[in-house]
């Protein structure tokens, strides 16, 4: 898939752990020629490199908790100020609560920008649990223990799911069935973006 020149979109992909949002976000961003801004990827890179941030984040995520807002806010703001994000981006993992929505709004308004669409991947909790369990087995992720998984899903339902109501009042949420093959789900997302005039993707 390729993107028409001169086209941009500012997107957010939301879904519980195990929804496949990382995979789908990467596919959509590549198709549109925009960077993925993933807090999870940034944190994992720091953990792998053994940085001070990485050590702090690892201790937090191993316990099944989320990285404090002040750390996440600073990292995302810095990433969005990079040149490749000037004309568009796809956010993955941020904002994850109402407070972060307000901070992102302020940042984007300062650039006379706003989100164009929010992609919600709708996946049943049981499906998320089975997918994460399989990922833990395949990748050996230390933060994918059964207890940590359940805790993170609870946090998502309590803190992150409510942001969809905020964005819903703005009319920018597209709820996508997140169950099916990778290609089927990607096609559903592209169709929703095309309906908004946000994607002119050619195979």
C-alpha atoms as a PDB file:
ATOM      1  CA  UNK A   1       0.000   0.000   0.000  1.00  0.00           C
ATOM      2  CA  UNK A   2       1.236   3.492  -0.758  1.00  0.00           C
ATOM      3  CA  UNK A   3       0.275   6.970   0.299  1.00  0.00           C
ATOM      4  CA  UNK A   4      -0.590   9.855  -2.010  1.00  0.00           C
ATOM      5  CA  UNK A   5       1.989  12.645  -1.770  1.00  0.00           C
ATOM      6  CA  UNK A   6       1.092  15.647   0.324  1.00  0.00           C
ATOM      7  CA  UNK A   7      -1.392  13.757   2.466  1.00  0.00           C
ATOM      8  CA  UNK A   8      -1.328  13.649   6.254  1.00  0.00           C
ATOM      9  CA  UNK A   9      -3.359  12.382   9.187  1.00  0.00           C
ATOM     10  CA  UNK A  10      -3.123  12.696  12.956  1.00  0.00           C
ATOM     11  CA  UNK A  11      -4.440   9.495  14.459  1.00  0.00           C
ATOM     12  CA  UNK A  12      -4.765   7.670  17.760  1.00  0.00           C
ATOM     13  CA  UNK A  13      -5.222   3.901  18.021  1.00  0.00           C
ATOM     14  CA  UNK A  14      -6.801   2.597  21.228  1.00  0.00           C
ATOM     15  CA  UNK A  15      -7.437  -0.907  22.494  1.00  0.00           C
ATOM     16  CA  UNK A  16      -6.746  -3.173  25.457  1.00  0.00           C
ATOM     17  CA  UNK A  17      -3.483  -5.084  25.761  1.00  0.00           C
ATOM     18  CA  UNK A  18      -3.622  -7.957  23.293  1.00  0.00           C
ATOM     19  CA  UNK A  19      -5.928  -6.124  20.887  1.00  0.00           C
ATOM     20  CA  UNK A  20      -3.247  -5.992  18.203  1.00  0.00           C
ATOM     21  CA  UNK A  21      -3.080  -2.205  18.162  1.00  0.00           C
ATOM     22  CA  UNK A  22       0.715  -2.219  17.886  1.00  0.00           C
ATOM     23  CA  UNK A  23       0.627  -4.386  14.779  1.00  0.00           C
ATOM     24  CA  UNK A  24      -2.301  -2.571  13.182  1.00  0.00           C
ATOM     25  CA  UNK A  25      -0.912   0.841  14.093  1.00  0.00           C
ATOM     26  CA  UNK A  26       2.368   0.024  12.345  1.00  0.00           C
ATOM     27  CA  UNK A  27       0.516  -1.197   9.243  1.00  0.00           C
ATOM     28  CA  UNK A  28      -1.683   1.902   8.995  1.00  0.00           C
ATOM     29  CA  UNK A  29       1.176   4.318   9.671  1.00  0.00           C
ATOM     30  CA  UNK A  30       3.309   2.703   6.974  1.00  0.00           C
ATOM     31  CA  UNK A  31       0.433   2.853   4.508  1.00  0.00           C
ATOM     32  CA  UNK A  32      -0.093   6.546   5.193  1.00  0.00           C
ATOM     33  CA  UNK A  33       3.593   7.458   5.408  1.00  0.00           C
ATOM     34  CA  UNK A  34       3.391   8.769   8.972  1.00  0.00           C
ATOM     35  CA  UNK A  35       5.443   7.742  12.032  1.00  0.00           C
ATOM     36  CA  UNK A  36       4.116   5.617  14.873  1.00  0.00           C
ATOM     37  CA  UNK A  37       4.572   7.276  18.251  1.00  0.00           C
ATOM     38  CA  UNK A  38       4.380   4.313  20.628  1.00  0.00           C
ATOM     39  CA  UNK A  39       5.100   4.842  24.304  1.00  0.00           C
ATOM     40  CA  UNK A  40       5.476   1.083  24.729  1.00  0.00           C
ATOM     41  CA  UNK A  41       8.149   0.897  22.023  1.00  0.00           C
ATOM     42  CA  UNK A  42      10.029   3.848  23.522  1.00  0.00           C
ATOM     43  CA  UNK A  43       9.940   2.290  26.983  1.00  0.00           C
ATOM     44  CA  UNK A  44      10.972  -1.166  25.756  1.00  0.00           C
ATOM     45  CA  UNK A  45      13.899   0.312  23.809  1.00  0.00           C
ATOM     46  CA  UNK A  46      15.119   2.007  26.979  1.00  0.00           C
ATOM     47  CA  UNK A  47      14.720  -1.218  28.964  1.00  0.00           C
ATOM     48  CA  UNK A  48      16.756  -3.102  26.351  1.00  0.00           C
ATOM     49  CA  UNK A  49      19.477  -0.451  26.439  1.00  0.00           C
ATOM     50  CA  UNK A  50      19.536  -0.475  30.241  1.00  0.00           C
ATOM     51  CA  UNK A  51      19.066   3.285  30.547  1.00  0.00           C
ATOM     52  CA  UNK A  52      17.996   4.946  33.782  1.00  0.00           C
ATOM     53  CA  UNK A  53      14.526   5.399  32.320  1.00  0.00           C
ATOM     54  CA  UNK A  54      14.532   1.761  31.248  1.00  0.00           C
ATOM     55  CA  UNK A  55      15.367   0.461  34.724  1.00  0.00           C
ATOM     56  CA  UNK A  56      12.628   2.600  36.258  1.00  0.00           C
ATOM     57  CA  UNK A  57      10.059   1.544  33.687  1.00  0.00           C
ATOM     58  CA  UNK A  58      10.944  -2.150  34.013  1.00  0.00           C
ATOM     59  CA  UNK A  59      10.327  -2.124  37.754  1.00  0.00           C
ATOM     60  CA  UNK A  60       6.947  -0.454  37.210  1.00  0.00           C
ATOM     61  CA  UNK A  61       5.769  -2.664  34.338  1.00  0.00           C
ATOM     62  CA  UNK A  62       6.960  -5.895  35.978  1.00  0.00           C
ATOM     63  CA  UNK A  63       4.520  -5.060  38.761  1.00  0.00           C
ATOM     64  CA  UNK A  64       1.761  -4.607  36.182  1.00  0.00           C
ATOM     65  CA  UNK A  65       1.511  -0.868  36.779  1.00  0.00           C
ATOM     66  CA  UNK A  66       1.670   2.026  34.307  1.00  0.00           C
ATOM     67  CA  UNK A  67       4.440   4.591  33.920  1.00  0.00           C
ATOM     68  CA  UNK A  68       3.603   7.920  35.681  1.00  0.00           C
ATOM     69  CA  UNK A  69       1.937  10.601  33.567  1.00  0.00           C
ATOM     70  CA  UNK A  70       4.741  13.159  33.957  1.00  0.00           C
ATOM     71  CA  UNK A  71       7.268  10.749  32.419  1.00  0.00           C
ATOM     72  CA  UNK A  72       4.981   9.717  29.579  1.00  0.00           C
ATOM     73  CA  UNK A  73       3.875  13.291  28.807  1.00  0.00           C
ATOM     74  CA  UNK A  74       7.459  14.521  28.437  1.00  0.00           C
ATOM     75  CA  UNK A  75       8.478  11.615  26.199  1.00  0.00           C
ATOM     76  CA  UNK A  76       5.477  12.010  23.876  1.00  0.00           C
ATOM     77  CA  UNK A  77       5.838  15.789  23.618  1.00  0.00           C
ATOM     78  CA  UNK A  78       9.510  15.403  22.695  1.00  0.00           C
ATOM     79  CA  UNK A  79       8.697  12.763  20.065  1.00  0.00           C
ATOM     80  CA  UNK A  80       5.904  14.829  18.464  1.00  0.00           C
ATOM     81  CA  UNK A  81       8.318  17.747  18.106  1.00  0.00           C
ATOM     82  CA  UNK A  82      10.581  15.684  15.844  1.00  0.00           C
ATOM     83  CA  UNK A  83      10.492  16.757  12.154  1.00  0.00           C
ATOM     84  CA  UNK A  84       9.001  13.491  10.865  1.00  0.00           C
ATOM     85  CA  UNK A  85       5.862  14.025  12.971  1.00  0.00           C
ATOM     86  CA  UNK A  86       5.232  17.561  11.729  1.00  0.00           C
ATOM     87  CA  UNK A  87       2.761  16.513   9.021  1.00  0.00           C
ATOM     88  CA  UNK A  88       1.099  13.594  10.767  1.00  0.00           C
ATOM     89  CA  UNK A  89       1.510  10.713  13.205  1.00  0.00           C
ATOM     90  CA  UNK A  90      -0.207   7.723  14.755  1.00  0.00           C
ATOM     91  CA  UNK A  91      -0.261   7.640  18.554  1.00  0.00           C
ATOM     92  CA  UNK A  92      -0.208   4.234  20.268  1.00  0.00           C
ATOM     93  CA  UNK A  93      -0.465   4.078  24.061  1.00  0.00           C
ATOM     94  CA  UNK A  94      -1.023   7.796  24.611  1.00  0.00           C
ATOM     95  CA  UNK A  95      -3.202   9.404  25.816  1.00  0.00           C
ATOM     96  CA  UNK A  96      -4.271   6.619  28.165  1.00  0.00           C
ATOM     97  CA  UNK A  97      -6.393   8.651  30.606  1.00  0.00           C
ATOM     98  CA  UNK A  98      -8.531  11.796  30.767  1.00  0.00           C
ATOM     99  CA  UNK A  99      -5.715  13.957  32.159  1.00  0.00           C
ATOM    100  CA  UNK A 100      -3.443  13.032  29.259  1.00  0.00           C
ATOM    101  CA  UNK A 101      -6.222  13.861  26.780  1.00  0.00           C
ATOM    102  CA  UNK A 102      -6.261  17.428  28.135  1.00  0.00           C
ATOM    103  CA  UNK A 103      -2.471  17.710  27.922  1.00  0.00           C
ATOM    104  CA  UNK A 104      -2.441  16.414  24.352  1.00  0.00           C
ATOM    105  CA  UNK A 105      -5.232  18.833  23.431  1.00  0.00           C
ATOM    106  CA  UNK A 106      -3.204  21.752  24.794  1.00  0.00           C
ATOM    107  CA  UNK A 107      -0.066  20.660  22.951  1.00  0.00           C
ATOM    108  CA  UNK A 108      -1.839  20.203  19.614  1.00  0.00           C
ATOM    109  CA  UNK A 109      -3.829  23.426  19.964  1.00  0.00           C
ATOM    110  CA  UNK A 110      -0.531  25.232  20.434  1.00  0.00           C
ATOM    111  CA  UNK A 111       0.358  24.004  16.931  1.00  0.00           C
ATOM    112  CA  UNK A 112      -3.148  24.753  15.613  1.00  0.00           C
ATOM    113  CA  UNK A 113      -3.735  21.022  15.183  1.00  0.00           C
ATOM    114  CA  UNK A 114      -6.115  18.359  16.476  1.00  0.00           C
ATOM    115  CA  UNK A 115      -6.617  14.622  16.160  1.00  0.00           C
ATOM    116  CA  UNK A 116      -8.361  13.621  12.941  1.00  0.00           C
ATOM    117  CA  UNK A 117      -9.591  10.205  14.072  1.00  0.00           C
ATOM    118  CA  UNK A 118      -9.441   7.734  16.948  1.00  0.00           C
ATOM    119  CA  UNK A 119      -9.362   4.060  15.976  1.00  0.00           C
ATOM    120  CA  UNK A 120     -10.811   1.823  18.686  1.00  0.00           C
ATOM    121  CA  UNK A 121      -9.987  -1.871  18.327  1.00  0.00           C
ATOM    122  CA  UNK A 122     -12.826  -3.743  19.976  1.00  0.00           C
ATOM    123  CA  UNK A 123     -11.645  -7.115  21.311  1.00  0.00           C
ATOM    124  CA  UNK A 124     -13.362  -9.229  24.017  1.00  0.00           C
ATOM    125  CA  UNK A 125     -11.430  -9.531  27.287  1.00  0.00           C
ATOM    126  CA  UNK A 126     -11.113 -13.313  26.885  1.00  0.00           C
ATOM    127  CA  UNK A 127      -9.508 -12.849  23.466  1.00  0.00           C
ATOM    128  CA  UNK A 128      -7.053 -10.278  24.866  1.00  0.00           C
ATOM    129  CA  UNK A 129      -6.060 -12.637  27.678  1.00  0.00           C
ATOM    130  CA  UNK A 130      -5.414 -15.574  25.340  1.00  0.00           C
ATOM    131  CA  UNK A 131      -3.423 -13.435  22.894  1.00  0.00           C
ATOM    132  CA  UNK A 132      -1.194 -11.996  25.634  1.00  0.00           C
ATOM    133  CA  UNK A 133      -0.628 -15.421  27.169  1.00  0.00           C
ATOM    134  CA  UNK A 134       0.534 -16.677  23.770  1.00  0.00           C
ATOM    135  CA  UNK A 135       2.787 -13.626  23.307  1.00  0.00           C
ATOM    136  CA  UNK A 136       4.360 -14.184  26.718  1.00  0.00           C
ATOM    137  CA  UNK A 137       5.084 -17.790  25.792  1.00  0.00           C
ATOM    138  CA  UNK A 138       6.601 -16.837  22.434  1.00  0.00           C
ATOM    139  CA  UNK A 139       8.563 -13.738  23.487  1.00  0.00           C
ATOM    140  CA  UNK A 140       9.320 -14.395  27.140  1.00  0.00           C
ATOM    141  CA  UNK A 141       7.989 -10.988  28.188  1.00  0.00           C
ATOM    142  CA  UNK A 142       8.598 -10.594  31.926  1.00  0.00           C
ATOM    143  CA  UNK A 143       5.682  -8.176  32.224  1.00  0.00           C
ATOM    144  CA  UNK A 144       3.206 -10.680  30.758  1.00  0.00           C
ATOM    145  CA  UNK A 145       2.476 -12.730  33.870  1.00  0.00           C
ATOM    146  CA  UNK A 146      -1.158 -13.739  34.327  1.00  0.00           C
ATOM    147  CA  UNK A 147      -1.554 -11.425  37.329  1.00  0.00           C
ATOM    148  CA  UNK A 148       0.073  -8.464  35.563  1.00  0.00           C
ATOM    149  CA  UNK A 149      -2.048  -9.008  32.443  1.00  0.00           C
ATOM    150  CA  UNK A 150      -5.304  -8.999  34.406  1.00  0.00           C
ATOM    151  CA  UNK A 151      -4.182  -5.893  36.326  1.00  0.00           C
ATOM    152  CA  UNK A 152      -3.356  -3.989  33.117  1.00  0.00           C
ATOM    153  CA  UNK A 153      -6.687  -4.920  31.551  1.00  0.00           C
ATOM    154  CA  UNK A 154      -8.460  -3.644  34.675  1.00  0.00           C
ATOM    155  CA  UNK A 155      -6.520  -0.370  34.437  1.00  0.00           C
ATOM    156  CA  UNK A 156      -7.452  -0.058  30.744  1.00  0.00           C
ATOM    157  CA  UNK A 157     -11.149  -0.532  31.473  1.00  0.00           C
ATOM    158  CA  UNK A 158     -11.049   1.904  34.390  1.00  0.00           C
ATOM    159  CA  UNK A 159      -8.750   4.647  33.051  1.00  0.00           C
ATOM    160  CA  UNK A 160      -8.318   4.379  29.278  1.00  0.00           C
ATOM    161  CA  UNK A 161     -11.728   3.268  28.005  1.00  0.00           C
ATOM    162  CA  UNK A 162     -13.331   6.527  29.315  1.00  0.00           C
ATOM    163  CA  UNK A 163     -11.253   8.631  26.890  1.00  0.00           C
ATOM    164  CA  UNK A 164     -13.335   7.137  24.096  1.00  0.00           C
ATOM    165  CA  UNK A 165     -16.389   8.920  25.481  1.00  0.00           C
ATOM    166  CA  UNK A 166     -14.496  12.228  25.346  1.00  0.00           C
ATOM    167  CA  UNK A 167     -13.415  11.705  21.763  1.00  0.00           C
ATOM    168  CA  UNK A 168     -16.828  10.278  20.922  1.00  0.00           C
ATOM    169  CA  UNK A 169     -18.458  13.636  21.688  1.00  0.00           C
ATOM    170  CA  UNK A 170     -16.159  15.102  19.023  1.00  0.00           C
ATOM    171  CA  UNK A 171     -17.376  12.553  16.504  1.00  0.00           C
ATOM    172  CA  UNK A 172     -13.924  11.216  15.671  1.00  0.00           C
ATOM    173  CA  UNK A 173     -14.081   7.640  17.044  1.00  0.00           C
ATOM    174  CA  UNK A 174     -14.251   4.680  14.677  1.00  0.00           C
ATOM    175  CA  UNK A 175     -14.895   1.386  16.497  1.00  0.00           C
ATOM    176  CA  UNK A 176     -13.332  -1.499  14.594  1.00  0.00           C
ATOM    177  CA  UNK A 177     -13.959  -5.214  15.132  1.00  0.00           C
ATOM    178  CA  UNK A 178     -10.503  -6.390  16.259  1.00  0.00           C
ATOM    179  CA  UNK A 179     -11.168 -10.104  15.759  1.00  0.00           C
ATOM    180  CA  UNK A 180     -10.118 -11.692  12.478  1.00  0.00           C
ATOM    181  CA  UNK A 181      -7.035 -11.991  10.296  1.00  0.00           C
ATOM    182  CA  UNK A 182      -4.471  -9.179  10.258  1.00  0.00           C
ATOM    183  CA  UNK A 183      -5.451  -8.239   6.706  1.00  0.00           C
ATOM    184  CA  UNK A 184      -9.177  -8.227   7.492  1.00  0.00           C
ATOM    185  CA  UNK A 185      -8.698  -5.887  10.446  1.00  0.00           C
ATOM    186  CA  UNK A 186      -6.389  -3.582   8.474  1.00  0.00           C
ATOM    187  CA  UNK A 187      -8.972  -3.386   5.682  1.00  0.00           C
ATOM    188  CA  UNK A 188     -11.680  -2.413   8.195  1.00  0.00           C
ATOM    189  CA  UNK A 189      -9.500   0.394   9.567  1.00  0.00           C
ATOM    190  CA  UNK A 190      -8.573   1.697   6.116  1.00  0.00           C
ATOM    191  CA  UNK A 191     -12.229   1.671   5.073  1.00  0.00           C
ATOM    192  CA  UNK A 192     -13.160   3.739   8.148  1.00  0.00           C
ATOM    193  CA  UNK A 193     -10.375   6.247   7.454  1.00  0.00           C
ATOM    194  CA  UNK A 194     -11.308   6.470   3.792  1.00  0.00           C
ATOM    195  CA  UNK A 195     -14.899   7.235   4.814  1.00  0.00           C
ATOM    196  CA  UNK A 196     -13.508  10.226   6.721  1.00  0.00           C
ATOM    197  CA  UNK A 197     -11.361  11.285   3.794  1.00  0.00           C
ATOM    198  CA  UNK A 198      -8.243  10.476   5.799  1.00  0.00           C
ATOM    199  CA  UNK A 199      -6.835   7.685   3.659  1.00  0.00           C
ATOM    200  CA  UNK A 200      -6.339   7.377  -0.054  1.00  0.00           C
ATOM    201  CA  UNK A 201      -4.526   4.093  -0.005  1.00  0.00           C
ATOM    202  CA  UNK A 202      -3.770   2.088  -3.100  1.00  0.00           C
ATOM    203  CA  UNK A 203      -2.693  -1.571  -3.081  1.00  0.00           C
END
